Amino acid sequence: EAKPHIGYLHRCFEKHAENLPYQQ
């Protein structure tokens, strides 16, 4: 079995995008 664990490099991209103008 090989179970991947992710989330160590979370960048919050989608939350950033909701708080910035489109160009930024």
mmCIF file of all heavy atoms, coordinates in Angstrom:
data_MODEL
# 
_entry.id   MODEL 
# 
loop_
_atom_site.group_PDB 
_atom_site.id 
_atom_site.type_symbol 
_atom_site.label_atom_id 
_atom_site.label_alt_id 
_atom_site.label_comp_id 
_atom_site.label_asym_id 
_atom_site.label_entity_id 
_atom_site.label_seq_id 
_atom_site.pdbx_PDB_ins_code 
_atom_site.Cartn_x 
_atom_site.Cartn_y 
_atom_site.Cartn_z 
_atom_site.occupancy 
_atom_site.B_iso_or_equiv 
_atom_site.pdbx_formal_charge 
_atom_site.auth_seq_id 
_atom_site.auth_comp_id 
_atom_site.auth_asym_id 
_atom_site.auth_atom_id 
_atom_site.pdbx_PDB_model_num 
ATOM 1   N N   . GLU A 1 1  ? 0.854   -1.187 0.000   1.00 0.00 ? 1  GLU A N   1 
ATOM 2   C CA  . GLU A 1 1  ? 0.000   0.000  0.000   1.00 0.00 ? 1  GLU A CA  1 
ATOM 3   C C   . GLU A 1 1  ? 0.884   1.229  0.000   1.00 0.00 ? 1  GLU A C   1 
ATOM 4   O O   . GLU A 1 1  ? 1.937   1.250  0.645   1.00 0.00 ? 1  GLU A O   1 
ATOM 5   C CB  . GLU A 1 1  ? -0.918  -0.001 1.229   1.00 0.00 ? 1  GLU A CB  1 
ATOM 6   C CG  . GLU A 1 1  ? -1.892  1.169  1.278   1.00 0.00 ? 1  GLU A CG  1 
ATOM 7   C CD  . GLU A 1 1  ? -2.743  1.166  2.540   1.00 0.00 ? 1  GLU A CD  1 
ATOM 8   O OE1 . GLU A 1 1  ? -2.666  0.181  3.304   1.00 0.00 ? 1  GLU A OE1 1 
ATOM 9   O OE2 . GLU A 1 1  ? -3.460  2.157  2.757   1.00 0.00 ? 1  GLU A OE2 1 
ATOM 10  N N   . ALA A 1 2  ? 0.469   2.250  -0.740  1.00 0.00 ? 2  ALA A N   1 
ATOM 11  C CA  . ALA A 1 2  ? 1.216   3.513  -0.780  1.00 0.00 ? 2  ALA A CA  1 
ATOM 12  C C   . ALA A 1 2  ? 0.212   4.650  -0.692  1.00 0.00 ? 2  ALA A C   1 
ATOM 13  O O   . ALA A 1 2  ? -0.481  4.965  -1.665  1.00 0.00 ? 2  ALA A O   1 
ATOM 14  C CB  . ALA A 1 2  ? 2.045   3.620  -2.049  1.00 0.00 ? 2  ALA A CB  1 
ATOM 15  N N   . LYS A 1 3  ? 0.122   5.257  0.474   1.00 0.00 ? 3  LYS A N   1 
ATOM 16  C CA  . LYS A 1 3  ? -0.880  6.292  0.725   1.00 0.00 ? 3  LYS A CA  1 
ATOM 17  C C   . LYS A 1 3  ? -0.213  7.666  0.714   1.00 0.00 ? 3  LYS A C   1 
ATOM 18  O O   . LYS A 1 3  ? 0.638   7.955  1.552   1.00 0.00 ? 3  LYS A O   1 
ATOM 19  C CB  . LYS A 1 3  ? -1.554  6.054  2.071   1.00 0.00 ? 3  LYS A CB  1 
ATOM 20  C CG  . LYS A 1 3  ? -2.696  7.027  2.382   1.00 0.00 ? 3  LYS A CG  1 
ATOM 21  C CD  . LYS A 1 3  ? -3.219  6.825  3.803   1.00 0.00 ? 3  LYS A CD  1 
ATOM 22  C CE  . LYS A 1 3  ? -3.793  5.435  3.974   1.00 0.00 ? 3  LYS A CE  1 
ATOM 23  N NZ  . LYS A 1 3  ? -4.352  5.264  5.348   1.00 0.00 ? 3  LYS A NZ  1 
ATOM 24  N N   . PRO A 1 4  ? -0.587  8.537  -0.255  1.00 0.00 ? 4  PRO A N   1 
ATOM 25  C CA  . PRO A 1 4  ? -0.002  9.882  -0.286  1.00 0.00 ? 4  PRO A CA  1 
ATOM 26  C C   . PRO A 1 4  ? -0.621  10.786 0.779   1.00 0.00 ? 4  PRO A C   1 
ATOM 27  O O   . PRO A 1 4  ? -1.825  10.737 1.021   1.00 0.00 ? 4  PRO A O   1 
ATOM 28  C CB  . PRO A 1 4  ? -0.345  10.394 -1.692  1.00 0.00 ? 4  PRO A CB  1 
ATOM 29  C CG  . PRO A 1 4  ? -0.965  9.247  -2.418  1.00 0.00 ? 4  PRO A CG  1 
ATOM 30  C CD  . PRO A 1 4  ? -1.480  8.300  -1.386  1.00 0.00 ? 4  PRO A CD  1 
ATOM 31  N N   . HIS A 1 5  ? 0.215   11.603 1.412   1.00 0.00 ? 5  HIS A N   1 
ATOM 32  C CA  . HIS A 1 5  ? -0.251  12.630 2.352   1.00 0.00 ? 5  HIS A CA  1 
ATOM 33  C C   . HIS A 1 5  ? 0.189   13.986 1.798   1.00 0.00 ? 5  HIS A C   1 
ATOM 34  O O   . HIS A 1 5  ? 1.386   14.240 1.649   1.00 0.00 ? 5  HIS A O   1 
ATOM 35  C CB  . HIS A 1 5  ? 0.338   12.407 3.744   1.00 0.00 ? 5  HIS A CB  1 
ATOM 36  C CG  . HIS A 1 5  ? -0.174  11.174 4.427   1.00 0.00 ? 5  HIS A CG  1 
ATOM 37  N ND1 . HIS A 1 5  ? -1.268  11.191 5.251   1.00 0.00 ? 5  HIS A ND1 1 
ATOM 38  C CD2 . HIS A 1 5  ? 0.255   9.885  4.385   1.00 0.00 ? 5  HIS A CD2 1 
ATOM 39  C CE1 . HIS A 1 5  ? -1.496  9.959  5.711   1.00 0.00 ? 5  HIS A CE1 1 
ATOM 40  N NE2 . HIS A 1 5  ? -0.580  9.161  5.193   1.00 0.00 ? 5  HIS A NE2 1 
ATOM 41  N N   . ILE A 1 6  ? -0.777  14.828 1.488   1.00 0.00 ? 6  ILE A N   1 
ATOM 42  C CA  . ILE A 1 6  ? -0.469  16.131 0.904   1.00 0.00 ? 6  ILE A CA  1 
ATOM 43  C C   . ILE A 1 6  ? -0.829  17.232 1.901   1.00 0.00 ? 6  ILE A C   1 
ATOM 44  O O   . ILE A 1 6  ? -1.304  16.967 2.998   1.00 0.00 ? 6  ILE A O   1 
ATOM 45  C CB  . ILE A 1 6  ? -1.219  16.330 -0.429  1.00 0.00 ? 6  ILE A CB  1 
ATOM 46  C CG1 . ILE A 1 6  ? -2.736  16.321 -0.183  1.00 0.00 ? 6  ILE A CG1 1 
ATOM 47  C CG2 . ILE A 1 6  ? -0.834  15.258 -1.427  1.00 0.00 ? 6  ILE A CG2 1 
ATOM 48  C CD1 . ILE A 1 6  ? -3.564  16.642 -1.405  1.00 0.00 ? 6  ILE A CD1 1 
ATOM 49  N N   . GLY A 1 7  ? -0.583  18.479 1.517   1.00 0.00 ? 7  GLY A N   1 
ATOM 50  C CA  . GLY A 1 7  ? -0.944  19.610 2.366   1.00 0.00 ? 7  GLY A CA  1 
ATOM 51  C C   . GLY A 1 7  ? 0.224   20.277 3.050   1.00 0.00 ? 7  GLY A C   1 
ATOM 52  O O   . GLY A 1 7  ? 0.035   21.225 3.805   1.00 0.00 ? 7  GLY A O   1 
ATOM 53  N N   . TYR A 1 8  ? 1.448   19.817 2.783   1.00 0.00 ? 8  TYR A N   1 
ATOM 54  C CA  . TYR A 1 8  ? 2.619   20.408 3.430   1.00 0.00 ? 8  TYR A CA  1 
ATOM 55  C C   . TYR A 1 8  ? 3.071   21.700 2.740   1.00 0.00 ? 8  TYR A C   1 
ATOM 56  O O   . TYR A 1 8  ? 3.926   22.407 3.248   1.00 0.00 ? 8  TYR A O   1 
ATOM 57  C CB  . TYR A 1 8  ? 3.783   19.407 3.421   1.00 0.00 ? 8  TYR A CB  1 
ATOM 58  C CG  . TYR A 1 8  ? 3.568   18.197 4.299   1.00 0.00 ? 8  TYR A CG  1 
ATOM 59  C CD1 . TYR A 1 8  ? 2.948   17.054 3.804   1.00 0.00 ? 8  TYR A CD1 1 
ATOM 60  C CD2 . TYR A 1 8  ? 3.984   18.185 5.629   1.00 0.00 ? 8  TYR A CD2 1 
ATOM 61  C CE1 . TYR A 1 8  ? 2.742   15.942 4.600   1.00 0.00 ? 8  TYR A CE1 1 
ATOM 62  C CE2 . TYR A 1 8  ? 3.780   17.084 6.436   1.00 0.00 ? 8  TYR A CE2 1 
ATOM 63  C CZ  . TYR A 1 8  ? 3.163   15.969 5.916   1.00 0.00 ? 8  TYR A CZ  1 
ATOM 64  O OH  . TYR A 1 8  ? 2.962   14.868 6.718   1.00 0.00 ? 8  TYR A OH  1 
ATOM 65  N N   . LEU A 1 9  ? 2.508   21.985 1.571   1.00 0.00 ? 9  LEU A N   1 
ATOM 66  C CA  . LEU A 1 9  ? 2.931   23.163 0.806   1.00 0.00 ? 9  LEU A CA  1 
ATOM 67  C C   . LEU A 1 9  ? 1.723   24.041 0.468   1.00 0.00 ? 9  LEU A C   1 
ATOM 68  O O   . LEU A 1 9  ? 1.649   24.653 -0.574  1.00 0.00 ? 9  LEU A O   1 
ATOM 69  C CB  . LEU A 1 9  ? 3.636   22.712 -0.488  1.00 0.00 ? 9  LEU A CB  1 
ATOM 70  C CG  . LEU A 1 9  ? 4.497   23.744 -1.214  1.00 0.00 ? 9  LEU A CG  1 
ATOM 71  C CD1 . LEU A 1 9  ? 5.671   24.175 -0.352  1.00 0.00 ? 9  LEU A CD1 1 
ATOM 72  C CD2 . LEU A 1 9  ? 5.009   23.174 -2.527  1.00 0.00 ? 9  LEU A CD2 1 
ATOM 73  N N   . HIS A 1 10 ? 0.741   24.064 1.366   1.00 0.00 ? 10 HIS A N   1 
ATOM 74  C CA  . HIS A 1 10 ? -0.504  24.778 1.068   1.00 0.00 ? 10 HIS A CA  1 
ATOM 75  C C   . HIS A 1 10 ? -0.235  26.265 0.901   1.00 0.00 ? 10 HIS A C   1 
ATOM 76  O O   . HIS A 1 10 ? 0.351   26.896 1.775   1.00 0.00 ? 10 HIS A O   1 
ATOM 77  C CB  . HIS A 1 10 ? -1.520  24.540 2.175   1.00 0.00 ? 10 HIS A CB  1 
ATOM 78  C CG  . HIS A 1 10 ? -2.877  25.082 1.875   1.00 0.00 ? 10 HIS A CG  1 
ATOM 79  N ND1 . HIS A 1 10 ? -3.455  24.997 0.622   1.00 0.00 ? 10 HIS A ND1 1 
ATOM 80  C CD2 . HIS A 1 10 ? -3.783  25.719 2.647   1.00 0.00 ? 10 HIS A CD2 1 
ATOM 81  C CE1 . HIS A 1 10 ? -4.647  25.547 0.655   1.00 0.00 ? 10 HIS A CE1 1 
ATOM 82  N NE2 . HIS A 1 10 ? -4.871  26.005 1.881   1.00 0.00 ? 10 HIS A NE2 1 
ATOM 83  N N   . ARG A 1 11 ? -0.696  26.842 -0.210  1.00 0.00 ? 11 ARG A N   1 
ATOM 84  C CA  . ARG A 1 11 ? -0.391  28.229 -0.546  1.00 0.00 ? 11 ARG A CA  1 
ATOM 85  C C   . ARG A 1 11 ? -1.594  29.155 -0.464  1.00 0.00 ? 11 ARG A C   1 
ATOM 86  O O   . ARG A 1 11 ? -1.479  30.342 -0.771  1.00 0.00 ? 11 ARG A O   1 
ATOM 87  C CB  . ARG A 1 11 ? 0.201   28.286 -1.956  1.00 0.00 ? 11 ARG A CB  1 
ATOM 88  C CG  . ARG A 1 11 ? 1.530   27.557 -2.025  1.00 0.00 ? 11 ARG A CG  1 
ATOM 89  C CD  . ARG A 1 11 ? 2.097   27.546 -3.415  1.00 0.00 ? 11 ARG A CD  1 
ATOM 90  N NE  . ARG A 1 11 ? 3.415   26.915 -3.378  1.00 0.00 ? 11 ARG A NE  1 
ATOM 91  C CZ  . ARG A 1 11 ? 4.506   27.462 -3.870  1.00 0.00 ? 11 ARG A CZ  1 
ATOM 92  N NH1 . ARG A 1 11 ? 4.465   28.647 -4.406  1.00 0.00 ? 11 ARG A NH1 1 
ATOM 93  N NH2 . ARG A 1 11 ? 5.661   26.839 -3.807  1.00 0.00 ? 11 ARG A NH2 1 
ATOM 94  N N   . CYS A 1 12 ? -2.753  28.619 -0.149  1.00 0.00 ? 12 CYS A N   1 
ATOM 95  C CA  . CYS A 1 12 ? -3.957  29.443 0.007   1.00 0.00 ? 12 CYS A CA  1 
ATOM 96  C C   . CYS A 1 12 ? -4.288  30.230 -1.252  1.00 0.00 ? 12 CYS A C   1 
ATOM 97  O O   . CYS A 1 12 ? -4.814  31.346 -1.185  1.00 0.00 ? 12 CYS A O   1 
ATOM 98  C CB  . CYS A 1 12 ? -3.823  30.407 1.186   1.00 0.00 ? 12 CYS A CB  1 
ATOM 99  S SG  . CYS A 1 12 ? -3.443  29.615 2.749   1.00 0.00 ? 12 CYS A SG  1 
ATOM 100 N N   . PHE A 1 13 ? -4.000  29.654 -2.418  1.00 0.00 ? 13 PHE A N   1 
ATOM 101 C CA  . PHE A 1 13 ? -4.198  30.395 -3.664  1.00 0.00 ? 13 PHE A CA  1 
ATOM 102 C C   . PHE A 1 13 ? -5.638  30.859 -3.824  1.00 0.00 ? 13 PHE A C   1 
ATOM 103 O O   . PHE A 1 13 ? -5.915  32.026 -4.125  1.00 0.00 ? 13 PHE A O   1 
ATOM 104 C CB  . PHE A 1 13 ? -3.794  29.540 -4.867  1.00 0.00 ? 13 PHE A CB  1 
ATOM 105 C CG  . PHE A 1 13 ? -4.289  30.087 -6.183  1.00 0.00 ? 13 PHE A CG  1 
ATOM 106 C CD1 . PHE A 1 13 ? -3.684  31.189 -6.747  1.00 0.00 ? 13 PHE A CD1 1 
ATOM 107 C CD2 . PHE A 1 13 ? -5.396  29.538 -6.819  1.00 0.00 ? 13 PHE A CD2 1 
ATOM 108 C CE1 . PHE A 1 13 ? -4.159  31.729 -7.935  1.00 0.00 ? 13 PHE A CE1 1 
ATOM 109 C CE2 . PHE A 1 13 ? -5.872  30.059 -8.004  1.00 0.00 ? 13 PHE A CE2 1 
ATOM 110 C CZ  . PHE A 1 13 ? -5.251  31.157 -8.575  1.00 0.00 ? 13 PHE A CZ  1 
ATOM 111 N N   . GLU A 1 14 ? -6.584  29.947 -3.632  1.00 0.00 ? 14 GLU A N   1 
ATOM 112 C CA  . GLU A 1 14 ? -7.979  30.285 -3.902  1.00 0.00 ? 14 GLU A CA  1 
ATOM 113 C C   . GLU A 1 14 ? -8.496  31.350 -2.941  1.00 0.00 ? 14 GLU A C   1 
ATOM 114 O O   . GLU A 1 14 ? -9.287  32.221 -3.332  1.00 0.00 ? 14 GLU A O   1 
ATOM 115 C CB  . GLU A 1 14 ? -8.830  29.017 -3.851  1.00 0.00 ? 14 GLU A CB  1 
ATOM 116 C CG  . GLU A 1 14 ? -8.466  28.045 -4.982  1.00 0.00 ? 14 GLU A CG  1 
ATOM 117 C CD  . GLU A 1 14 ? -9.195  26.720 -4.876  1.00 0.00 ? 14 GLU A CD  1 
ATOM 118 O OE1 . GLU A 1 14 ? -10.033 26.576 -3.965  1.00 0.00 ? 14 GLU A OE1 1 
ATOM 119 O OE2 . GLU A 1 14 ? -8.934  25.831 -5.706  1.00 0.00 ? 14 GLU A OE2 1 
ATOM 120 N N   . LYS A 1 15 ? -8.050  31.311 -1.690  1.00 0.00 ? 15 LYS A N   1 
ATOM 121 C CA  . LYS A 1 15 ? -8.477  32.338 -0.732  1.00 0.00 ? 15 LYS A CA  1 
ATOM 122 C C   . LYS A 1 15 ? -7.824  33.679 -1.059  1.00 0.00 ? 15 LYS A C   1 
ATOM 123 O O   . LYS A 1 15 ? -8.459  34.740 -0.927  1.00 0.00 ? 15 LYS A O   1 
ATOM 124 C CB  . LYS A 1 15 ? -8.106  31.906 0.688   1.00 0.00 ? 15 LYS A CB  1 
ATOM 125 C CG  . LYS A 1 15 ? -8.917  32.620 1.761   1.00 0.00 ? 15 LYS A CG  1 
ATOM 126 C CD  . LYS A 1 15 ? -10.405 32.303 1.612   1.00 0.00 ? 15 LYS A CD  1 
ATOM 127 C CE  . LYS A 1 15 ? -11.241 33.057 2.627   1.00 0.00 ? 15 LYS A CE  1 
ATOM 128 N NZ  . LYS A 1 15 ? -12.685 32.827 2.417   1.00 0.00 ? 15 LYS A NZ  1 
ATOM 129 N N   . HIS A 1 16 ? -6.569  33.660 -1.470  1.00 0.00 ? 16 HIS A N   1 
ATOM 130 C CA  . HIS A 1 16 ? -5.924  34.900 -1.919  1.00 0.00 ? 16 HIS A CA  1 
ATOM 131 C C   . HIS A 1 16 ? -6.716  35.518 -3.071  1.00 0.00 ? 16 HIS A C   1 
ATOM 132 O O   . HIS A 1 16 ? -6.934  36.736 -3.114  1.00 0.00 ? 16 HIS A O   1 
ATOM 133 C CB  . HIS A 1 16 ? -4.497  34.613 -2.392  1.00 0.00 ? 16 HIS A CB  1 
ATOM 134 C CG  . HIS A 1 16 ? -3.499  34.493 -1.282  1.00 0.00 ? 16 HIS A CG  1 
ATOM 135 N ND1 . HIS A 1 16 ? -3.393  35.418 -0.272  1.00 0.00 ? 16 HIS A ND1 1 
ATOM 136 C CD2 . HIS A 1 16 ? -2.547  33.561 -1.047  1.00 0.00 ? 16 HIS A CD2 1 
ATOM 137 C CE1 . HIS A 1 16 ? -2.427  35.051 0.557   1.00 0.00 ? 16 HIS A CE1 1 
ATOM 138 N NE2 . HIS A 1 16 ? -1.902  33.932 0.111   1.00 0.00 ? 16 HIS A NE2 1 
ATOM 139 N N   . ALA A 1 17 ? -7.118  34.662 -4.031  1.00 0.00 ? 17 ALA A N   1 
ATOM 140 C CA  . ALA A 1 17 ? -7.790  35.159 -5.234  1.00 0.00 ? 17 ALA A CA  1 
ATOM 141 C C   . ALA A 1 17 ? -9.105  35.863 -4.908  1.00 0.00 ? 17 ALA A C   1 
ATOM 142 O O   . ALA A 1 17 ? -9.521  36.780 -5.628  1.00 0.00 ? 17 ALA A O   1 
ATOM 143 C CB  . ALA A 1 17 ? -8.036  34.001 -6.208  1.00 0.00 ? 17 ALA A CB  1 
ATOM 144 N N   . GLU A 1 18 ? -9.764  35.454 -3.839  1.00 0.00 ? 18 GLU A N   1 
ATOM 145 C CA  . GLU A 1 18 ? -11.044 36.054 -3.478  1.00 0.00 ? 18 GLU A CA  1 
ATOM 146 C C   . GLU A 1 18 ? -10.879 37.406 -2.778  1.00 0.00 ? 18 GLU A C   1 
ATOM 147 O O   . GLU A 1 18 ? -11.872 38.099 -2.541  1.00 0.00 ? 18 GLU A O   1 
ATOM 148 C CB  . GLU A 1 18 ? -11.823 35.104 -2.567  1.00 0.00 ? 18 GLU A CB  1 
ATOM 149 C CG  . GLU A 1 18 ? -12.218 33.803 -3.248  1.00 0.00 ? 18 GLU A CG  1 
ATOM 150 C CD  . GLU A 1 18 ? -12.717 32.772 -2.255  1.00 0.00 ? 18 GLU A CD  1 
ATOM 151 O OE1 . GLU A 1 18 ? -13.022 33.161 -1.103  1.00 0.00 ? 18 GLU A OE1 1 
ATOM 152 O OE2 . GLU A 1 18 ? -12.795 31.585 -2.624  1.00 0.00 ? 18 GLU A OE2 1 
ATOM 153 N N   . ASN A 1 19 ? -9.654  37.775 -2.459  1.00 0.00 ? 19 ASN A N   1 
ATOM 154 C CA  . ASN A 1 19 ? -9.418  39.020 -1.720  1.00 0.00 ? 19 ASN A CA  1 
ATOM 155 C C   . ASN A 1 19 ? -8.505  39.978 -2.463  1.00 0.00 ? 19 ASN A C   1 
ATOM 156 O O   . ASN A 1 19 ? -7.996  40.935 -1.869  1.00 0.00 ? 19 ASN A O   1 
ATOM 157 C CB  . ASN A 1 19 ? -8.812  38.698 -0.348  1.00 0.00 ? 19 ASN A CB  1 
ATOM 158 C CG  . ASN A 1 19 ? -9.790  37.980 0.563   1.00 0.00 ? 19 ASN A CG  1 
ATOM 159 O OD1 . ASN A 1 19 ? -10.592 38.604 1.241   1.00 0.00 ? 19 ASN A OD1 1 
ATOM 160 N ND2 . ASN A 1 19 ? -9.722  36.656 0.588   1.00 0.00 ? 19 ASN A ND2 1 
ATOM 161 N N   . LEU A 1 20 ? -8.310  39.751 -3.752  1.00 0.00 ? 20 LEU A N   1 
ATOM 162 C CA  . LEU A 1 20 ? -7.445  40.606 -4.552  1.00 0.00 ? 20 LEU A CA  1 
ATOM 163 C C   . LEU A 1 20 ? -8.151  40.979 -5.851  1.00 0.00 ? 20 LEU A C   1 
ATOM 164 O O   . LEU A 1 20 ? -8.956  40.202 -6.370  1.00 0.00 ? 20 LEU A O   1 
ATOM 165 C CB  . LEU A 1 20 ? -6.130  39.887 -4.888  1.00 0.00 ? 20 LEU A CB  1 
ATOM 166 C CG  . LEU A 1 20 ? -5.180  39.602 -3.731  1.00 0.00 ? 20 LEU A CG  1 
ATOM 167 C CD1 . LEU A 1 20 ? -4.068  38.665 -4.191  1.00 0.00 ? 20 LEU A CD1 1 
ATOM 168 C CD2 . LEU A 1 20 ? -4.579  40.908 -3.211  1.00 0.00 ? 20 LEU A CD2 1 
ATOM 169 N N   . PRO A 1 21 ? -7.840  42.145 -6.423  1.00 0.00 ? 21 PRO A N   1 
ATOM 170 C CA  . PRO A 1 21 ? -8.359  42.468 -7.759  1.00 0.00 ? 21 PRO A CA  1 
ATOM 171 C C   . PRO A 1 21 ? -7.912  41.421 -8.780  1.00 0.00 ? 21 PRO A C   1 
ATOM 172 O O   . PRO A 1 21 ? -6.883  40.773 -8.613  1.00 0.00 ? 21 PRO A O   1 
ATOM 173 C CB  . PRO A 1 21 ? -7.736  43.845 -8.047  1.00 0.00 ? 21 PRO A CB  1 
ATOM 174 C CG  . PRO A 1 21 ? -7.450  44.420 -6.706  1.00 0.00 ? 21 PRO A CG  1 
ATOM 175 C CD  . PRO A 1 21 ? -7.091  43.264 -5.827  1.00 0.00 ? 21 PRO A CD  1 
ATOM 176 N N   . TYR A 1 22 ? -8.685  41.281 -9.836  1.00 0.00 ? 22 TYR A N   1 
ATOM 177 C CA  . TYR A 1 22 ? -8.435  40.233 -10.824 1.00 0.00 ? 22 TYR A CA  1 
ATOM 178 C C   . TYR A 1 22 ? -6.996  40.240 -11.332 1.00 0.00 ? 22 TYR A C   1 
ATOM 179 O O   . TYR A 1 22 ? -6.361  39.178 -11.449 1.00 0.00 ? 22 TYR A O   1 
ATOM 180 C CB  . TYR A 1 22 ? -9.398  40.390 -12.007 1.00 0.00 ? 22 TYR A CB  1 
ATOM 181 C CG  . TYR A 1 22 ? -10.804 39.930 -11.715 1.00 0.00 ? 22 TYR A CG  1 
ATOM 182 C CD1 . TYR A 1 22 ? -11.750 40.821 -11.196 1.00 0.00 ? 22 TYR A CD1 1 
ATOM 183 C CD2 . TYR A 1 22 ? -11.199 38.628 -11.950 1.00 0.00 ? 22 TYR A CD2 1 
ATOM 184 C CE1 . TYR A 1 22 ? -13.044 40.416 -10.925 1.00 0.00 ? 22 TYR A CE1 1 
ATOM 185 C CE2 . TYR A 1 22 ? -12.497 38.205 -11.692 1.00 0.00 ? 22 TYR A CE2 1 
ATOM 186 C CZ  . TYR A 1 22 ? -13.414 39.095 -11.166 1.00 0.00 ? 22 TYR A CZ  1 
ATOM 187 O OH  . TYR A 1 22 ? -14.695 38.682 -10.893 1.00 0.00 ? 22 TYR A OH  1 
ATOM 188 N N   . GLN A 1 23 ? -6.464  41.412 -11.648 1.00 0.00 ? 23 GLN A N   1 
ATOM 189 C CA  . GLN A 1 23 ? -5.113  41.487 -12.200 1.00 0.00 ? 23 GLN A CA  1 
ATOM 190 C C   . GLN A 1 23 ? -4.059  41.046 -11.190 1.00 0.00 ? 23 GLN A C   1 
ATOM 191 O O   . GLN A 1 23 ? -3.031  40.480 -11.552 1.00 0.00 ? 23 GLN A O   1 
ATOM 192 C CB  . GLN A 1 23 ? -4.803  42.923 -12.656 1.00 0.00 ? 23 GLN A CB  1 
ATOM 193 C CG  . GLN A 1 23 ? -5.584  43.363 -13.884 1.00 0.00 ? 23 GLN A CG  1 
ATOM 194 C CD  . GLN A 1 23 ? -4.961  42.857 -15.179 1.00 0.00 ? 23 GLN A CD  1 
ATOM 195 O OE1 . GLN A 1 23 ? -4.474  41.739 -15.242 1.00 0.00 ? 23 GLN A OE1 1 
ATOM 196 N NE2 . GLN A 1 23 ? -4.981  43.679 -16.212 1.00 0.00 ? 23 GLN A NE2 1 
ATOM 197 N N   . GLN A 1 24 ? -4.309  41.303 -9.895  1.00 0.00 ? 24 GLN A N   1 
ATOM 198 C CA  . GLN A 1 24 ? -3.304  40.973 -8.889  1.00 0.00 ? 24 GLN A CA  1 
ATOM 199 C C   . GLN A 1 24 ? -3.277  39.491 -8.529  1.00 0.00 ? 24 GLN A C   1 
ATOM 200 O O   . GLN A 1 24 ? -2.398  39.049 -7.794  1.00 0.00 ? 24 GLN A O   1 
ATOM 201 C CB  . GLN A 1 24 ? -3.548  41.815 -7.631  1.00 0.00 ? 24 GLN A CB  1 
ATOM 202 C CG  . GLN A 1 24 ? -3.301  43.298 -7.841  1.00 0.00 ? 24 GLN A CG  1 
ATOM 203 C CD  . GLN A 1 24 ? -3.473  44.112 -6.569  1.00 0.00 ? 24 GLN A CD  1 
ATOM 204 O OE1 . GLN A 1 24 ? -3.374  43.584 -5.466  1.00 0.00 ? 24 GLN A OE1 1 
ATOM 205 N NE2 . GLN A 1 24 ? -3.725  45.415 -6.723  1.00 0.00 ? 24 GLN A NE2 1 
# 
